[in-house]
Amino acid sequence: MRELTQAEKLTLRELLQMETNALTKAKATQEMIGDEALKKEAESAILAMEGRIKGMQQFINENNIINSQEVH
């Protein structure tokens, strides 16, 4: 794989942050949902977010996007 540009790395970081924030909010508000159909939709959305996050993390790890020198 070719090396990602700084803009691509920034976009990947922002996507990962967006998904993580959405997941945190969804999990925090899940208990407030009373409607069973809506609760199932929320659970499905949470599973989808977790899958996307894992996919991005796997992409980052498999392609050595972040090396130890970049982590502060």
PDB file of N, CA and C in Angstrom:
ATOM      1  N   MET A   1       0.830  -1.181   0.000  1.00  0.00           N
ATOM      2  CA  MET A   1       0.000   0.000   0.000  1.00  0.00           C
ATOM      3  C   MET A   1       0.873   1.242   0.000  1.00  0.00           C
ATOM      4  N   ARG A   2       0.450   2.243  -0.721  1.00  0.00           N
ATOM      5  CA  ARG A   2       1.207   3.488  -0.724  1.00  0.00           C
ATOM      6  C   ARG A   2       1.045   4.206   0.612  1.00  0.00           C
ATOM      7  N   GLU A   3       1.962   5.073   0.923  1.00  0.00           N
ATOM      8  CA  GLU A   3       1.878   5.815   2.179  1.00  0.00           C
ATOM      9  C   GLU A   3       0.781   6.863   2.073  1.00  0.00           C
ATOM     10  N   LEU A   4       0.012   7.012   3.151  1.00  0.00           N
ATOM     11  CA  LEU A   4      -1.057   7.999   3.161  1.00  0.00           C
ATOM     12  C   LEU A   4      -0.491   9.401   3.283  1.00  0.00           C
ATOM     13  N   THR A   5      -1.175  10.345   2.668  1.00  0.00           N
ATOM     14  CA  THR A   5      -0.785  11.746   2.810  1.00  0.00           C
ATOM     15  C   THR A   5      -1.206  12.231   4.196  1.00  0.00           C
ATOM     16  N   GLN A   6      -0.689  13.376   4.588  1.00  0.00           N
ATOM     17  CA  GLN A   6      -1.083  13.950   5.875  1.00  0.00           C
ATOM     18  C   GLN A   6      -2.587  14.232   5.903  1.00  0.00           C
ATOM     19  N   ALA A   7      -3.131  14.686   4.786  1.00  0.00           N
ATOM     20  CA  ALA A   7      -4.571  14.955   4.711  1.00  0.00           C
ATOM     21  C   ALA A   7      -5.376  13.670   4.895  1.00  0.00           C
ATOM     22  N   GLU A   8      -4.907  12.585   4.315  1.00  0.00           N
ATOM     23  CA  GLU A   8      -5.598  11.299   4.469  1.00  0.00           C
ATOM     24  C   GLU A   8      -5.511  10.799   5.909  1.00  0.00           C
ATOM     25  N   LYS A   9      -4.352  10.969   6.523  1.00  0.00           N
ATOM     26  CA  LYS A   9      -4.199  10.574   7.922  1.00  0.00           C
ATOM     27  C   LYS A   9      -5.110  11.397   8.815  1.00  0.00           C
ATOM     28  N   LEU A  10      -5.214  12.687   8.539  1.00  0.00           N
ATOM     29  CA  LEU A  10      -6.084  13.563   9.309  1.00  0.00           C
ATOM     30  C   LEU A  10      -7.543  13.159   9.130  1.00  0.00           C
ATOM     31  N   THR A  11      -7.936  12.843   7.903  1.00  0.00           N
ATOM     32  CA  THR A  11      -9.297  12.409   7.634  1.00  0.00           C
ATOM     33  C   THR A  11      -9.606  11.111   8.369  1.00  0.00           C
ATOM     34  N   LEU A  12      -8.691  10.174   8.339  1.00  0.00           N
ATOM     35  CA  LEU A  12      -8.871   8.909   9.051  1.00  0.00           C
ATOM     36  C   LEU A  12      -9.014   9.153  10.549  1.00  0.00           C
ATOM     37  N   ARG A  13      -8.186  10.011  11.086  1.00  0.00           N
ATOM     38  CA  ARG A  13      -8.255  10.346  12.506  1.00  0.00           C
ATOM     39  C   ARG A  13      -9.598  10.975  12.859  1.00  0.00           C
ATOM     40  N   GLU A  14     -10.052  11.901  12.011  1.00  0.00           N
ATOM     41  CA  GLU A  14     -11.326  12.570  12.263  1.00  0.00           C
ATOM     42  C   GLU A  14     -12.501  11.592  12.166  1.00  0.00           C
ATOM     43  N   LEU A  15     -12.458  10.683  11.199  1.00  0.00           N
ATOM     44  CA  LEU A  15     -13.512   9.673  11.076  1.00  0.00           C
ATOM     45  C   LEU A  15     -13.559   8.780  12.305  1.00  0.00           C
ATOM     46  N   LEU A  16     -12.395   8.367  12.764  1.00  0.00           N
ATOM     47  CA  LEU A  16     -12.313   7.520  13.945  1.00  0.00           C
ATOM     48  C   LEU A  16     -12.829   8.266  15.172  1.00  0.00           C
ATOM     49  N   GLN A  17     -12.470   9.525  15.306  1.00  0.00           N
ATOM     50  CA  GLN A  17     -12.938  10.331  16.437  1.00  0.00           C
ATOM     51  C   GLN A  17     -14.452  10.528  16.381  1.00  0.00           C
ATOM     52  N   MET A  18     -14.979  10.779  15.191  1.00  0.00           N
ATOM     53  CA  MET A  18     -16.411  10.974  15.018  1.00  0.00           C
ATOM     54  C   MET A  18     -17.178   9.709  15.425  1.00  0.00           C
ATOM     55  N   GLU A  19     -16.712   8.564  14.967  1.00  0.00           N
ATOM     56  CA  GLU A  19     -17.362   7.295  15.311  1.00  0.00           C
ATOM     57  C   GLU A  19     -17.273   7.023  16.811  1.00  0.00           C
ATOM     58  N   THR A  20     -16.132   7.295  17.400  1.00  0.00           N
ATOM     59  CA  THR A  20     -15.941   7.068  18.830  1.00  0.00           C
ATOM     60  C   THR A  20     -16.869   7.961  19.647  1.00  0.00           C
ATOM     61  N   ASN A  21     -16.978   9.233  19.263  1.00  0.00           N
ATOM     62  CA  ASN A  21     -17.874  10.151  19.971  1.00  0.00           C
ATOM     63  C   ASN A  21     -19.325   9.710  19.843  1.00  0.00           C
ATOM     64  N   ALA A  22     -19.730   9.315  18.637  1.00  0.00           N
ATOM     65  CA  ALA A  22     -21.101   8.863  18.413  1.00  0.00           C
ATOM     66  C   ALA A  22     -21.397   7.601  19.220  1.00  0.00           C
ATOM     67  N   LEU A  23     -20.445   6.698  19.285  1.00  0.00           N
ATOM     68  CA  LEU A  23     -20.616   5.461  20.046  1.00  0.00           C
ATOM     69  C   LEU A  23     -20.779   5.762  21.534  1.00  0.00           C
ATOM     70  N   THR A  24     -19.975   6.650  22.051  1.00  0.00           N
ATOM     71  CA  THR A  24     -20.057   7.026  23.463  1.00  0.00           C
ATOM     72  C   THR A  24     -21.428   7.612  23.780  1.00  0.00           C
ATOM     73  N   LYS A  25     -21.896   8.506  22.926  1.00  0.00           N
ATOM     74  CA  LYS A  25     -23.204   9.123  23.137  1.00  0.00           C
ATOM     75  C   LYS A  25     -24.325   8.091  23.018  1.00  0.00           C
ATOM     76  N   ALA A  26     -24.255   7.226  22.029  1.00  0.00           N
ATOM     77  CA  ALA A  26     -25.291   6.212  21.830  1.00  0.00           C
ATOM     78  C   ALA A  26     -25.376   5.274  23.025  1.00  0.00           C
ATOM     79  N   LYS A  27     -24.233   4.857  23.539  1.00  0.00           N
ATOM     80  CA  LYS A  27     -24.236   3.961  24.698  1.00  0.00           C
ATOM     81  C   LYS A  27     -24.772   4.665  25.942  1.00  0.00           C
ATOM     82  N   ALA A  28     -24.446   5.955  26.089  1.00  0.00           N
ATOM     83  CA  ALA A  28     -24.891   6.703  27.260  1.00  0.00           C
ATOM     84  C   ALA A  28     -26.400   6.945  27.246  1.00  0.00           C
ATOM     85  N   THR A  29     -26.974   7.112  26.084  1.00  0.00           N
ATOM     86  CA  THR A  29     -28.401   7.416  25.990  1.00  0.00           C
ATOM     87  C   THR A  29     -29.269   6.181  25.765  1.00  0.00           C
ATOM     88  N   GLN A  30     -28.671   5.055  25.517  1.00  0.00           N
ATOM     89  CA  GLN A  30     -29.411   3.829  25.222  1.00  0.00           C
ATOM     90  C   GLN A  30     -30.395   3.455  26.334  1.00  0.00           C
ATOM     91  N   GLU A  31     -30.000   3.623  27.561  1.00  0.00           N
ATOM     92  CA  GLU A  31     -30.851   3.243  28.690  1.00  0.00           C
ATOM     93  C   GLU A  31     -32.082   4.134  28.821  1.00  0.00           C
ATOM     94  N   MET A  32     -32.073   5.295  28.216  1.00  0.00           N
ATOM     95  CA  MET A  32     -33.214   6.206  28.303  1.00  0.00           C
ATOM     96  C   MET A  32     -34.306   5.875  27.295  1.00  0.00           C
ATOM     97  N   ILE A  33     -34.037   4.963  26.386  1.00  0.00           N
ATOM     98  CA  ILE A  33     -35.003   4.621  25.355  1.00  0.00           C
ATOM     99  C   ILE A  33     -36.005   3.630  25.910  1.00  0.00           C
ATOM    100  N   GLY A  34     -37.283   3.991  25.837  1.00  0.00           N
ATOM    101  CA  GLY A  34     -38.331   3.127  26.351  1.00  0.00           C
ATOM    102  C   GLY A  34     -38.973   2.261  25.281  1.00  0.00           C
ATOM    103  N   ASP A  35     -39.082   2.777  24.083  1.00  0.00           N
ATOM    104  CA  ASP A  35     -39.723   2.048  22.996  1.00  0.00           C
ATOM    105  C   ASP A  35     -38.835   0.884  22.554  1.00  0.00           C
ATOM    106  N   GLU A  36     -39.403  -0.311  22.538  1.00  0.00           N
ATOM    107  CA  GLU A  36     -38.615  -1.512  22.231  1.00  0.00           C
ATOM    108  C   GLU A  36     -38.078  -1.510  20.797  1.00  0.00           C
ATOM    109  N   ALA A  37     -38.873  -1.067  19.836  1.00  0.00           N
ATOM    110  CA  ALA A  37     -38.413  -1.037  18.443  1.00  0.00           C
ATOM    111  C   ALA A  37     -37.263  -0.045  18.280  1.00  0.00           C
ATOM    112  N   LEU A  38     -37.400   1.106  18.921  1.00  0.00           N
ATOM    113  CA  LEU A  38     -36.333   2.108  18.851  1.00  0.00           C
ATOM    114  C   LEU A  38     -35.088   1.611  19.579  1.00  0.00           C
ATOM    115  N   LYS A  39     -35.285   0.899  20.674  1.00  0.00           N
ATOM    116  CA  LYS A  39     -34.148   0.344  21.433  1.00  0.00           C
ATOM    117  C   LYS A  39     -33.374  -0.656  20.576  1.00  0.00           C
ATOM    118  N   LYS A  40     -34.102  -1.490  19.817  1.00  0.00           N
ATOM    119  CA  LYS A  40     -33.428  -2.447  18.928  1.00  0.00           C
ATOM    120  C   LYS A  40     -32.657  -1.729  17.833  1.00  0.00           C
ATOM    121  N   GLU A  41     -33.221  -0.643  17.307  1.00  0.00           N
ATOM    122  CA  GLU A  41     -32.520   0.154  16.292  1.00  0.00           C
ATOM    123  C   GLU A  41     -31.243   0.762  16.880  1.00  0.00           C
ATOM    124  N   ALA A  42     -31.331   1.255  18.099  1.00  0.00           N
ATOM    125  CA  ALA A  42     -30.159   1.833  18.769  1.00  0.00           C
ATOM    126  C   ALA A  42     -29.084   0.777  18.991  1.00  0.00           C
ATOM    127  N   GLU A  43     -29.492  -0.411  19.406  1.00  0.00           N
ATOM    128  CA  GLU A  43     -28.531  -1.501  19.605  1.00  0.00           C
ATOM    129  C   GLU A  43     -27.853  -1.880  18.292  1.00  0.00           C
ATOM    130  N   SER A  44     -28.634  -1.909  17.228  1.00  0.00           N
ATOM    131  CA  SER A  44     -28.084  -2.206  15.908  1.00  0.00           C
ATOM    132  C   SER A  44     -27.086  -1.135  15.475  1.00  0.00           C
ATOM    133  N   ALA A  45     -27.433   0.116  15.745  1.00  0.00           N
ATOM    134  CA  ALA A  45     -26.534   1.227  15.399  1.00  0.00           C
ATOM    135  C   ALA A  45     -25.231   1.138  16.181  1.00  0.00           C
ATOM    136  N   ILE A  46     -25.319   0.767  17.447  1.00  0.00           N
ATOM    137  CA  ILE A  46     -24.125   0.623  18.286  1.00  0.00           C
ATOM    138  C   ILE A  46     -23.220  -0.470  17.732  1.00  0.00           C
ATOM    139  N   LEU A  47     -23.806  -1.592  17.361  1.00  0.00           N
ATOM    140  CA  LEU A  47     -23.006  -2.683  16.783  1.00  0.00           C
ATOM    141  C   LEU A  47     -22.341  -2.245  15.476  1.00  0.00           C
ATOM    142  N   ALA A  48     -23.055  -1.490  14.668  1.00  0.00           N
ATOM    143  CA  ALA A  48     -22.486  -1.003  13.407  1.00  0.00           C
ATOM    144  C   ALA A  48     -21.325  -0.045  13.666  1.00  0.00           C
ATOM    145  N   MET A  49     -21.495   0.858  14.638  1.00  0.00           N
ATOM    146  CA  MET A  49     -20.416   1.792  14.979  1.00  0.00           C
ATOM    147  C   MET A  49     -19.185   1.046  15.477  1.00  0.00           C
ATOM    148  N   GLU A  50     -19.415   0.058  16.336  1.00  0.00           N
ATOM    149  CA  GLU A  50     -18.294  -0.732  16.854  1.00  0.00           C
ATOM    150  C   GLU A  50     -17.571  -1.442  15.706  1.00  0.00           C
ATOM    151  N   GLY A  51     -18.322  -1.939  14.748  1.00  0.00           N
ATOM    152  CA  GLY A  51     -17.718  -2.599  13.589  1.00  0.00           C
ATOM    153  C   GLY A  51     -16.884  -1.645  12.751  1.00  0.00           C
ATOM    154  N   ARG A  52     -17.408  -0.440  12.539  1.00  0.00           N
ATOM    155  CA  ARG A  52     -16.645   0.543  11.757  1.00  0.00           C
ATOM    156  C   ARG A  52     -15.370   0.957  12.481  1.00  0.00           C
ATOM    157  N   ILE A  53     -15.459   1.131  13.788  1.00  0.00           N
ATOM    158  CA  ILE A  53     -14.277   1.494  14.575  1.00  0.00           C
ATOM    159  C   ILE A  53     -13.229   0.385  14.501  1.00  0.00           C
ATOM    160  N   LYS A  54     -13.657  -0.858  14.681  1.00  0.00           N
ATOM    161  CA  LYS A  54     -12.724  -1.983  14.598  1.00  0.00           C
ATOM    162  C   LYS A  54     -12.099  -2.071  13.211  1.00  0.00           C
ATOM    163  N   GLY A  55     -12.890  -1.812  12.182  1.00  0.00           N
ATOM    164  CA  GLY A  55     -12.365  -1.832  10.817  1.00  0.00           C
ATOM    165  C   GLY A  55     -11.294  -0.782  10.601  1.00  0.00           C
ATOM    166  N   MET A  56     -11.536   0.428  11.100  1.00  0.00           N
ATOM    167  CA  MET A  56     -10.532   1.490  10.967  1.00  0.00           C
ATOM    168  C   MET A  56      -9.281   1.163  11.762  1.00  0.00           C
ATOM    169  N   GLN A  57      -9.456   0.616  12.970  1.00  0.00           N
ATOM    170  CA  GLN A  57      -8.306   0.238  13.789  1.00  0.00           C
ATOM    171  C   GLN A  57      -7.497  -0.858  13.101  1.00  0.00           C
ATOM    172  N   GLN A  58      -8.189  -1.799  12.502  1.00  0.00           N
ATOM    173  CA  GLN A  58      -7.503  -2.877  11.783  1.00  0.00           C
ATOM    174  C   GLN A  58      -6.729  -2.312  10.597  1.00  0.00           C
ATOM    175  N   PHE A  59      -7.340  -1.404   9.862  1.00  0.00           N
ATOM    176  CA  PHE A  59      -6.678  -0.759   8.723  1.00  0.00           C
ATOM    177  C   PHE A  59      -5.414  -0.040   9.190  1.00  0.00           C
ATOM    178  N   ILE A  60      -5.527   0.690  10.287  1.00  0.00           N
ATOM    179  CA  ILE A  60      -4.381   1.429  10.832  1.00  0.00           C
ATOM    180  C   ILE A  60      -3.266   0.465  11.228  1.00  0.00           C
ATOM    181  N   ASN A  61      -3.615  -0.616  11.916  1.00  0.00           N
ATOM    182  CA  ASN A  61      -2.609  -1.582  12.368  1.00  0.00           C
ATOM    183  C   ASN A  61      -1.974  -2.344  11.211  1.00  0.00           C
ATOM    184  N   GLU A  62      -2.799  -2.823  10.281  1.00  0.00           N
ATOM    185  CA  GLU A  62      -2.278  -3.624   9.167  1.00  0.00           C
ATOM    186  C   GLU A  62      -1.389  -2.818   8.229  1.00  0.00           C
ATOM    187  N   ASN A  63      -1.639  -1.527   8.141  1.00  0.00           N
ATOM    188  CA  ASN A  63      -0.879  -0.692   7.219  1.00  0.00           C
ATOM    189  C   ASN A  63       0.150   0.188   7.911  1.00  0.00           C
ATOM    190  N   ASN A  64       0.381  -0.075   9.195  1.00  0.00           N
ATOM    191  CA  ASN A  64       1.384   0.676   9.957  1.00  0.00           C
ATOM    192  C   ASN A  64       1.223   2.182   9.773  1.00  0.00           C
ATOM    193  N   ILE A  65      -0.005   2.653   9.908  1.00  0.00           N
ATOM    194  CA  ILE A  65      -0.291   4.073   9.716  1.00  0.00           C
ATOM    195  C   ILE A  65       0.363   4.906  10.806  1.00  0.00           C
ATOM    196  N   ILE A  66       0.346   4.399  12.026  1.00  0.00           N
ATOM    197  CA  ILE A  66       0.926   5.135  13.152  1.00  0.00           C
ATOM    198  C   ILE A  66       2.140   4.366  13.633  1.00  0.00           C
ATOM    199  N   ASN A  67       3.268   5.028  13.633  1.00  0.00           N
ATOM    200  CA  ASN A  67       4.441   4.384  14.207  1.00  0.00           C
ATOM    201  C   ASN A  67       4.726   4.994  15.568  1.00  0.00           C
ATOM    202  N   SER A  68       5.595   4.384  16.322  1.00  0.00           N
ATOM    203  CA  SER A  68       5.849   4.818  17.692  1.00  0.00           C
ATOM    204  C   SER A  68       6.401   6.245  17.767  1.00  0.00           C
ATOM    205  N   GLN A  69       7.016   6.719  16.704  1.00  0.00           N
ATOM    206  CA  GLN A  69       7.539   8.082  16.716  1.00  0.00           C
ATOM    207  C   GLN A  69       6.429   9.122  16.582  1.00  0.00           C
ATOM    208  N   GLU A  70       5.274   8.733  16.028  1.00  0.00           N
ATOM    209  CA  GLU A  70       4.171   9.667  15.845  1.00  0.00           C
ATOM    210  C   GLU A  70       3.278   9.759  17.072  1.00  0.00           C
ATOM    211  N   VAL A  71       3.349   8.796  17.975  1.00  0.00           N
ATOM    212  CA  VAL A  71       2.509   8.791  19.159  1.00  0.00           C
ATOM    213  C   VAL A  71       3.174   9.627  20.240  1.00  0.00           C
ATOM    214  N   HIS A  72       2.426  10.569  20.780  1.00  0.00           N
ATOM    215  CA  HIS A  72       2.977  11.457  21.817  1.00  0.00           C
ATOM    216  C   HIS A  72       2.324  11.189  23.139  1.00  0.00           C
TER     217      HIS A  72
END
